PDB file of N, CA and C in Angstrom:
ATOM      1  N   MET A   1      -5.628 -36.899   5.115  1.00  0.00           N
ATOM      2  CA  MET A   1      -6.747 -36.764   4.873  1.00  0.00           C
ATOM      3  C   MET A   1      -6.731 -35.465   3.082  1.00  0.00           C
ATOM      4  N   GLN A   2      -7.726 -36.160   2.387  1.00  0.00           N
ATOM      5  CA  GLN A   2      -7.552 -35.178   1.317  1.00  0.00           C
ATOM      6  C   GLN A   2      -8.988 -34.623   1.176  1.00  0.00           C
ATOM      7  N   ASP A   3      -8.499 -32.963   0.859  1.00  0.00           N
ATOM      8  CA  ASP A   3      -9.717 -31.983   0.887  1.00  0.00           C
ATOM      9  C   ASP A   3     -10.464 -32.408   1.781  1.00  0.00           C
ATOM     10  N   ALA A   4     -10.471 -31.881   3.326  1.00  0.00           N
ATOM     11  CA  ALA A   4     -11.479 -32.103   4.397  1.00  0.00           C
ATOM     12  C   ALA A   4     -12.654 -30.692   4.360  1.00  0.00           C
ATOM     13  N   GLY A   5     -12.345 -30.160   3.459  1.00  0.00           N
ATOM     14  CA  GLY A   5     -13.254 -28.745   3.585  1.00  0.00           C
ATOM     15  C   GLY A   5     -12.431 -27.416   4.150  1.00  0.00           C
ATOM     16  N   THR A   6     -13.154 -26.610   4.053  1.00  0.00           N
ATOM     17  CA  THR A   6     -12.592 -25.349   4.872  1.00  0.00           C
ATOM     18  C   THR A   6     -13.532 -24.712   5.911  1.00  0.00           C
ATOM     19  N   VAL A   7     -12.869 -24.120   7.040  1.00  0.00           N
ATOM     20  CA  VAL A   7     -13.243 -23.600   8.149  1.00  0.00           C
ATOM     21  C   VAL A   7     -12.809 -22.257   8.363  1.00  0.00           C
ATOM     22  N   THR A   8     -13.939 -21.184   8.341  1.00  0.00           N
ATOM     23  CA  THR A   8     -13.570 -19.757   8.203  1.00  0.00           C
ATOM     24  C   THR A   8     -14.362 -19.176   9.759  1.00  0.00           C
ATOM     25  N   MET A   9     -13.384 -18.920  10.420  1.00  0.00           N
ATOM     26  CA  MET A   9     -14.136 -18.520  11.700  1.00  0.00           C
ATOM     27  C   MET A   9     -14.064 -16.899  11.735  1.00  0.00           C
ATOM     28  N   TYR A  10     -14.958 -16.202  12.316  1.00  0.00           N
ATOM     29  CA  TYR A  10     -15.162 -14.707  12.030  1.00  0.00           C
ATOM     30  C   TYR A  10     -14.971 -14.272  13.473  1.00  0.00           C
ATOM     31  N   SER A  11     -14.397 -13.650  14.223  1.00  0.00           N
ATOM     32  CA  SER A  11     -14.241 -13.733  15.753  1.00  0.00           C
ATOM     33  C   SER A  11     -13.941 -12.175  15.826  1.00  0.00           C
ATOM     34  N   THR A  12     -13.601 -11.842  17.176  1.00  0.00           N
ATOM     35  CA  THR A  12     -12.874 -10.295  17.436  1.00  0.00           C
ATOM     36  C   THR A  12     -11.846 -10.931  18.409  1.00  0.00           C
ATOM     37  N   THR A  13     -10.670 -10.185  19.114  1.00  0.00           N
ATOM     38  CA  THR A  13      -9.599 -10.612  20.062  1.00  0.00           C
ATOM     39  C   THR A  13     -10.046 -10.787  21.272  1.00  0.00           C
ATOM     40  N   TRP A  14     -11.415  -9.881  21.746  1.00  0.00           N
ATOM     41  CA  TRP A  14     -11.834 -10.416  23.059  1.00  0.00           C
ATOM     42  C   TRP A  14     -12.698 -11.214  23.019  1.00  0.00           C
ATOM     43  N   CYS A  15     -13.013 -12.015  22.369  1.00  0.00           N
ATOM     44  CA  CYS A  15     -14.419 -13.152  22.481  1.00  0.00           C
ATOM     45  C   CYS A  15     -13.964 -14.347  23.241  1.00  0.00           C
ATOM     46  N   GLY A  16     -14.158 -14.622  24.204  1.00  0.00           N
ATOM     47  CA  GLY A  16     -13.740 -15.838  25.099  1.00  0.00           C
ATOM     48  C   GLY A  16     -14.262 -16.965  24.134  1.00  0.00           C
ATOM     49  N   TYR A  17     -15.443 -17.155  23.564  1.00  0.00           N
ATOM     50  CA  TYR A  17     -15.934 -18.256  23.146  1.00  0.00           C
ATOM     51  C   TYR A  17     -14.905 -18.717  21.819  1.00  0.00           C
ATOM     52  N   CYS A  18     -14.450 -17.463  21.308  1.00  0.00           N
ATOM     53  CA  CYS A  18     -13.602 -17.678  20.100  1.00  0.00           C
ATOM     54  C   CYS A  18     -12.692 -18.330  20.569  1.00  0.00           C
ATOM     55  N   ARG A  19     -11.847 -18.224  21.208  1.00  0.00           N
ATOM     56  CA  ARG A  19     -10.760 -18.571  22.137  1.00  0.00           C
ATOM     57  C   ARG A  19     -10.844 -19.910  21.805  1.00  0.00           C
ATOM     58  N   ARG A  20     -11.920 -20.360  22.814  1.00  0.00           N
ATOM     59  CA  ARG A  20     -12.377 -21.906  23.292  1.00  0.00           C
ATOM     60  C   ARG A  20     -12.363 -22.603  21.840  1.00  0.00           C
ATOM     61  N   LEU A  21     -13.037 -21.929  21.081  1.00  0.00           N
ATOM     62  CA  LEU A  21     -13.497 -23.026  19.625  1.00  0.00           C
ATOM     63  C   LEU A  21     -12.025 -23.088  19.141  1.00  0.00           C
ATOM     64  N   LYS A  22     -11.126 -22.275  19.322  1.00  0.00           N
ATOM     65  CA  LYS A  22      -9.743 -22.203  18.106  1.00  0.00           C
ATOM     66  C   LYS A  22      -8.904 -23.255  19.075  1.00  0.00           C
ATOM     67  N   SER A  23      -9.176 -23.396  20.535  1.00  0.00           N
ATOM     68  CA  SER A  23      -8.100 -24.377  21.154  1.00  0.00           C
ATOM     69  C   SER A  23      -8.715 -25.726  20.575  1.00  0.00           C
ATOM     70  N   GLN A  24      -9.957 -25.854  20.946  1.00  0.00           N
ATOM     71  CA  GLN A  24     -10.776 -26.995  20.439  1.00  0.00           C
ATOM     72  C   GLN A  24     -10.247 -27.436  19.183  1.00  0.00           C
ATOM     73  N   MET A  25     -10.198 -26.776  18.160  1.00  0.00           N
ATOM     74  CA  MET A  25     -10.018 -27.047  16.932  1.00  0.00           C
ATOM     75  C   MET A  25      -8.436 -27.431  16.646  1.00  0.00           C
ATOM     76  N   ASP A  26      -7.516 -26.466  17.187  1.00  0.00           N
ATOM     77  CA  ASP A  26      -6.396 -26.949  17.098  1.00  0.00           C
ATOM     78  C   ASP A  26      -6.107 -28.364  17.903  1.00  0.00           C
ATOM     79  N   ARG A  27      -6.462 -28.309  18.751  1.00  0.00           N
ATOM     80  CA  ARG A  27      -6.377 -29.457  19.388  1.00  0.00           C
ATOM     81  C   ARG A  27      -6.783 -30.780  18.600  1.00  0.00           C
ATOM     82  N   GLU A  28      -7.701 -30.564  17.904  1.00  0.00           N
ATOM     83  CA  GLU A  28      -8.188 -31.897  17.171  1.00  0.00           C
ATOM     84  C   GLU A  28      -7.835 -31.836  15.365  1.00  0.00           C
ATOM     85  N   GLY A  29      -7.228 -30.833  15.264  1.00  0.00           N
ATOM     86  CA  GLY A  29      -6.064 -30.768  13.886  1.00  0.00           C
ATOM     87  C   GLY A  29      -6.912 -30.343  12.845  1.00  0.00           C
ATOM     88  N   ILE A  30      -7.923 -29.558  13.284  1.00  0.00           N
ATOM     89  CA  ILE A  30      -8.975 -28.826  12.081  1.00  0.00           C
ATOM     90  C   ILE A  30      -8.197 -27.785  11.815  1.00  0.00           C
ATOM     91  N   ALA A  31      -7.686 -27.421  10.369  1.00  0.00           N
ATOM     92  CA  ALA A  31      -7.404 -26.394  10.078  1.00  0.00           C
ATOM     93  C   ALA A  31      -8.516 -25.126   9.878  1.00  0.00           C
ATOM     94  N   TYR A  32      -8.154 -23.864   9.917  1.00  0.00           N
ATOM     95  CA  TYR A  32      -9.411 -22.411  10.049  1.00  0.00           C
ATOM     96  C   TYR A  32      -8.437 -21.628   9.495  1.00  0.00           C
ATOM     97  N   THR A  33      -9.351 -20.538   9.047  1.00  0.00           N
ATOM     98  CA  THR A  33      -8.910 -19.424   8.771  1.00  0.00           C
ATOM     99  C   THR A  33      -9.574 -18.093   9.611  1.00  0.00           C
ATOM    100  N   GLU A  34      -9.019 -17.370  10.346  1.00  0.00           N
ATOM    101  CA  GLU A  34      -9.465 -16.608  11.367  1.00  0.00           C
ATOM    102  C   GLU A  34      -9.356 -15.254  10.833  1.00  0.00           C
ATOM    103  N   ILE A  35     -10.871 -14.507  10.978  1.00  0.00           N
ATOM    104  CA  ILE A  35     -11.092 -13.097  10.458  1.00  0.00           C
ATOM    105  C   ILE A  35     -11.322 -12.157  11.305  1.00  0.00           C
ATOM    106  N   ASN A  36     -10.866 -11.127  12.038  1.00  0.00           N
ATOM    107  CA  ASN A  36     -10.952 -10.365  12.967  1.00  0.00           C
ATOM    108  C   ASN A  36     -12.048  -9.303  12.258  1.00  0.00           C
ATOM    109  N   ILE A  37     -13.353  -9.341  12.725  1.00  0.00           N
ATOM    110  CA  ILE A  37     -14.270  -8.666  12.118  1.00  0.00           C
ATOM    111  C   ILE A  37     -13.918  -7.060  12.639  1.00  0.00           C
ATOM    112  N   GLU A  38     -13.341  -6.859  13.344  1.00  0.00           N
ATOM    113  CA  GLU A  38     -13.288  -5.246  13.638  1.00  0.00           C
ATOM    114  C   GLU A  38     -12.224  -4.961  12.819  1.00  0.00           C
ATOM    115  N   LEU A  39     -11.771  -5.578  12.233  1.00  0.00           N
ATOM    116  CA  LEU A  39     -10.399  -5.159  11.190  1.00  0.00           C
ATOM    117  C   LEU A  39     -11.104  -5.005   9.684  1.00  0.00           C
ATOM    118  N   ASP A  40     -12.275  -5.976   9.493  1.00  0.00           N
ATOM    119  CA  ASP A  40     -12.445  -6.315   8.084  1.00  0.00           C
ATOM    120  C   ASP A  40     -14.092  -5.761   7.953  1.00  0.00           C
ATOM    121  N   PRO A  41     -14.519  -4.750   7.580  1.00  0.00           N
ATOM    122  CA  PRO A  41     -15.845  -4.126   7.538  1.00  0.00           C
ATOM    123  C   PRO A  41     -16.723  -5.458   6.397  1.00  0.00           C
ATOM    124  N   GLU A  42     -16.137  -5.806   5.618  1.00  0.00           N
ATOM    125  CA  GLU A  42     -16.927  -6.934   4.751  1.00  0.00           C
ATOM    126  C   GLU A  42     -17.368  -7.990   5.409  1.00  0.00           C
ATOM    127  N   SER A  43     -16.560  -8.436   6.477  1.00  0.00           N
ATOM    128  CA  SER A  43     -16.429  -9.588   7.181  1.00  0.00           C
ATOM    129  C   SER A  43     -17.646  -9.414   8.496  1.00  0.00           C
ATOM    130  N   ALA A  44     -17.494  -8.208   8.859  1.00  0.00           N
ATOM    131  CA  ALA A  44     -18.395  -7.891  10.083  1.00  0.00           C
ATOM    132  C   ALA A  44     -19.485  -7.611   9.164  1.00  0.00           C
ATOM    133  N   ALA A  45     -19.888  -7.283   8.258  1.00  0.00           N
ATOM    134  CA  ALA A  45     -21.287  -7.331   7.503  1.00  0.00           C
ATOM    135  C   ALA A  45     -21.730  -8.757   7.257  1.00  0.00           C
ATOM    136  N   PHE A  46     -20.695  -9.488   6.861  1.00  0.00           N
ATOM    137  CA  PHE A  46     -21.572 -10.813   6.478  1.00  0.00           C
ATOM    138  C   PHE A  46     -21.686 -11.364   7.823  1.00  0.00           C
ATOM    139  N   VAL A  47     -21.118 -11.151   8.889  1.00  0.00           N
ATOM    140  CA  VAL A  47     -21.647 -11.431  10.462  1.00  0.00           C
ATOM    141  C   VAL A  47     -23.068 -11.370  10.708  1.00  0.00           C
ATOM    142  N   GLU A  48     -23.054  -9.795  10.286  1.00  0.00           N
ATOM    143  CA  GLU A  48     -24.391  -9.234  10.745  1.00  0.00           C
ATOM    144  C   GLU A  48     -25.513  -9.821  10.110  1.00  0.00           C
ATOM    145  N   LYS A  49     -25.478 -10.127   8.777  1.00  0.00           N
ATOM    146  CA  LYS A  49     -26.396 -10.661   7.641  1.00  0.00           C
ATOM    147  C   LYS A  49     -26.725 -11.973   8.188  1.00  0.00           C
ATOM    148  N   ALA A  50     -25.573 -12.813   9.185  1.00  0.00           N
ATOM    149  CA  ALA A  50     -26.122 -13.980   9.262  1.00  0.00           C
ATOM    150  C   ALA A  50     -26.787 -14.292  10.704  1.00  0.00           C
ATOM    151  N   ASN A  51     -26.601 -13.347  11.300  1.00  0.00           N
ATOM    152  CA  ASN A  51     -26.919 -13.105  12.877  1.00  0.00           C
ATOM    153  C   ASN A  51     -27.772 -11.918  13.076  1.00  0.00           C
ATOM    154  N   GLY A  52     -28.893 -11.684  11.674  1.00  0.00           N
ATOM    155  CA  GLY A  52     -30.197 -10.955  12.463  1.00  0.00           C
ATOM    156  C   GLY A  52     -29.675  -9.397  12.859  1.00  0.00           C
ATOM    157  N   GLY A  53     -28.700  -8.848  12.133  1.00  0.00           N
ATOM    158  CA  GLY A  53     -28.055  -7.672  12.163  1.00  0.00           C
ATOM    159  C   GLY A  53     -27.091  -7.593  13.343  1.00  0.00           C
ATOM    160  N   ASN A  54     -26.642  -8.597  14.201  1.00  0.00           N
ATOM    161  CA  ASN A  54     -25.684  -8.315  15.197  1.00  0.00           C
ATOM    162  C   ASN A  54     -24.358  -8.978  15.121  1.00  0.00           C
ATOM    163  N   GLN A  55     -23.485  -8.529  15.576  1.00  0.00           N
ATOM    164  CA  GLN A  55     -22.045  -8.994  15.222  1.00  0.00           C
ATOM    165  C   GLN A  55     -21.737 -10.087  16.184  1.00  0.00           C
ATOM    166  N   THR A  56     -22.547 -11.063  16.367  1.00  0.00           N
ATOM    167  CA  THR A  56     -22.055 -12.269  17.179  1.00  0.00           C
ATOM    168  C   THR A  56     -21.333 -12.934  16.550  1.00  0.00           C
ATOM    169  N   VAL A  57     -20.057 -13.349  17.454  1.00  0.00           N
ATOM    170  CA  VAL A  57     -18.892 -14.062  17.215  1.00  0.00           C
ATOM    171  C   VAL A  57     -18.693 -15.113  18.453  1.00  0.00           C
ATOM    172  N   PRO A  58     -18.130 -16.224  17.994  1.00  0.00           N
ATOM    173  CA  PRO A  58     -17.931 -16.654  16.754  1.00  0.00           C
ATOM    174  C   PRO A  58     -19.122 -17.111  15.601  1.00  0.00           C
ATOM    175  N   THR A  59     -18.847 -16.527  14.570  1.00  0.00           N
ATOM    176  CA  THR A  59     -19.544 -17.159  13.359  1.00  0.00           C
ATOM    177  C   THR A  59     -18.607 -17.949  12.583  1.00  0.00           C
ATOM    178  N   VAL A  60     -18.872 -19.010  12.111  1.00  0.00           N
ATOM    179  CA  VAL A  60     -18.292 -19.919  11.420  1.00  0.00           C
ATOM    180  C   VAL A  60     -18.953 -20.253  10.048  1.00  0.00           C
ATOM    181  N   LEU A  61     -18.058 -20.339   9.237  1.00  0.00           N
ATOM    182  CA  LEU A  61     -18.283 -20.572   7.989  1.00  0.00           C
ATOM    183  C   LEU A  61     -17.516 -21.938   7.347  1.00  0.00           C
ATOM    184  N   VAL A  62     -18.346 -22.960   7.216  1.00  0.00           N
ATOM    185  CA  VAL A  62     -17.953 -24.383   7.021  1.00  0.00           C
ATOM    186  C   VAL A  62     -18.326 -24.906   5.777  1.00  0.00           C
ATOM    187  N   THR A  63     -17.181 -25.340   4.741  1.00  0.00           N
ATOM    188  CA  THR A  63     -17.497 -25.615   3.806  1.00  0.00           C
ATOM    189  C   THR A  63     -16.559 -27.090   3.600  1.00  0.00           C
ATOM    190  N   SER A  64     -18.032 -28.221   3.392  1.00  0.00           N
ATOM    191  CA  SER A  64     -17.468 -29.570   3.580  1.00  0.00           C
ATOM    192  C   SER A  64     -16.579 -29.717   2.111  1.00  0.00           C
ATOM    193  N   SER A  65     -16.198 -31.089   2.156  1.00  0.00           N
ATOM    194  CA  SER A  65     -15.423 -31.438   1.126  1.00  0.00           C
ATOM    195  C   SER A  65     -16.275 -31.812  -0.151  1.00  0.00           C
ATOM    196  N   ALA A  66     -17.630 -31.933   0.390  1.00  0.00           N
ATOM    197  CA  ALA A  66     -18.723 -32.063  -0.821  1.00  0.00           C
ATOM    198  C   ALA A  66     -19.229 -31.060  -1.312  1.00  0.00           C
ATOM    199  N   GLY A  67     -18.976 -29.669  -0.785  1.00  0.00           N
ATOM    200  CA  GLY A  67     -19.226 -28.228  -1.348  1.00  0.00           C
ATOM    201  C   GLY A  67     -20.107 -27.721  -0.642  1.00  0.00           C
ATOM    202  N   ASN A  68     -20.949 -28.518   0.436  1.00  0.00           N
ATOM    203  CA  ASN A  68     -22.129 -28.008   1.520  1.00  0.00           C
ATOM    204  C   ASN A  68     -21.406 -27.029   2.232  1.00  0.00           C
ATOM    205  N   GLU A  69     -22.018 -25.875   2.134  1.00  0.00           N
ATOM    206  CA  GLU A  69     -21.634 -24.621   3.257  1.00  0.00           C
ATOM    207  C   GLU A  69     -22.728 -24.472   4.366  1.00  0.00           C
ATOM    208  N   SER A  70     -22.117 -24.142   5.435  1.00  0.00           N
ATOM    209  CA  SER A  70     -23.160 -24.086   7.023  1.00  0.00           C
ATOM    210  C   SER A  70     -22.469 -22.929   7.470  1.00  0.00           C
ATOM    211  N   VAL A  71     -23.307 -22.040   7.914  1.00  0.00           N
ATOM    212  CA  VAL A  71     -23.007 -20.745   8.726  1.00  0.00           C
ATOM    213  C   VAL A  71     -23.497 -21.129  10.075  1.00  0.00           C
ATOM    214  N   MET A  72     -22.595 -20.941  11.343  1.00  0.00           N
ATOM    215  CA  MET A  72     -22.898 -21.382  12.517  1.00  0.00           C
ATOM    216  C   MET A  72     -22.610 -20.606  13.425  1.00  0.00           C
ATOM    217  N   THR A  73     -23.548 -20.151  14.429  1.00  0.00           N
ATOM    218  CA  THR A  73     -23.335 -19.087  15.236  1.00  0.00           C
ATOM    219  C   THR A  73     -22.612 -19.409  17.023  1.00  0.00           C
ATOM    220  N   ASN A  74     -21.595 -19.277  16.968  1.00  0.00           N
ATOM    221  CA  ASN A  74     -21.131 -20.089  18.532  1.00  0.00           C
ATOM    222  C   ASN A  74     -20.973 -21.461  18.301  1.00  0.00           C
ATOM    223  N   PRO A  75     -20.816 -22.041  17.519  1.00  0.00           N
ATOM    224  CA  PRO A  75     -20.874 -23.909  17.424  1.00  0.00           C
ATOM    225  C   PRO A  75     -20.177 -24.393  18.153  1.00  0.00           C
ATOM    226  N   SER A  76     -20.495 -25.588  18.638  1.00  0.00           N
ATOM    227  CA  SER A  76     -19.293 -26.832  19.464  1.00  0.00           C
ATOM    228  C   SER A  76     -18.637 -27.237  18.206  1.00  0.00           C
ATOM    229  N   LEU A  77     -17.566 -27.751  18.765  1.00  0.00           N
ATOM    230  CA  LEU A  77     -16.738 -28.558  18.132  1.00  0.00           C
ATOM    231  C   LEU A  77     -17.155 -29.872  17.437  1.00  0.00           C
ATOM    232  N   ALA A  78     -18.285 -30.541  17.858  1.00  0.00           N
ATOM    233  CA  ALA A  78     -18.896 -31.169  17.120  1.00  0.00           C
ATOM    234  C   ALA A  78     -19.678 -30.775  16.097  1.00  0.00           C
ATOM    235  N   GLN A  79     -20.161 -29.989  16.253  1.00  0.00           N
ATOM    236  CA  GLN A  79     -21.060 -29.099  14.858  1.00  0.00           C
ATOM    237  C   GLN A  79     -20.045 -28.875  13.852  1.00  0.00           C
ATOM    238  N   VAL A  80     -18.985 -28.434  14.447  1.00  0.00           N
ATOM    239  CA  VAL A  80     -18.048 -28.034  12.980  1.00  0.00           C
ATOM    240  C   VAL A  80     -17.601 -29.026  12.454  1.00  0.00           C
ATOM    241  N   LYS A  81     -17.402 -30.119  13.467  1.00  0.00           N
ATOM    242  CA  LYS A  81     -16.882 -31.498  12.716  1.00  0.00           C
ATOM    243  C   LYS A  81     -17.820 -32.104  11.790  1.00  0.00           C
ATOM    244  N   GLN A  82     -19.158 -32.190  12.454  1.00  0.00           N
ATOM    245  CA  GLN A  82     -20.257 -32.703  11.537  1.00  0.00           C
ATOM    246  C   GLN A  82     -20.564 -31.862  10.258  1.00  0.00           C
ATOM    247  N   ALA A  83     -20.408 -30.364  10.292  1.00  0.00           N
ATOM    248  CA  ALA A  83     -20.239 -29.552   9.233  1.00  0.00           C
ATOM    249  C   ALA A  83     -19.640 -30.217   7.971  1.00  0.00           C
ATOM    250  N   LEU A  84     -18.489 -30.505   8.316  1.00  0.00           N
ATOM    251  CA  LEU A  84     -17.449 -30.915   7.716  1.00  0.00           C
ATOM    252  C   LEU A  84     -17.521 -32.012   7.053  1.00  0.00           C
ATOM    253  N   ALA A  85     -18.216 -32.677   7.795  1.00  0.00           N
ATOM    254  CA  ALA A  85     -18.580 -34.157   7.060  1.00  0.00           C
ATOM    255  C   ALA A  85     -19.396 -34.339   6.183  1.00  0.00           C
ATOM    256  N   VAL A  86     -20.345 -33.383   5.798  1.00  0.00           N
ATOM    257  CA  VAL A  86     -21.708 -33.520   5.172  1.00  0.00           C
ATOM    258  C   VAL A  86     -21.299 -32.819   3.874  1.00  0.00           C
TER     259      VAL A  86
END
């Protein structure tokens, strides 16, 4: 597949929802970059800005192959795939 877009997942080590989404994306062959917001203050600030001041994870930034950006909080696998497709 040519330039399928990018997925960045902002997470923490203790987040069960993060682990579930990671395993689903692994199973589907969706590549992603994971950033632990507990170790990266800039990323934590991005997550807070996207979630009304809360550090809600997983927060996922998807850039589609067409260049469209979507920021989603605790998305389903279907939502991530849909965002990659637009």
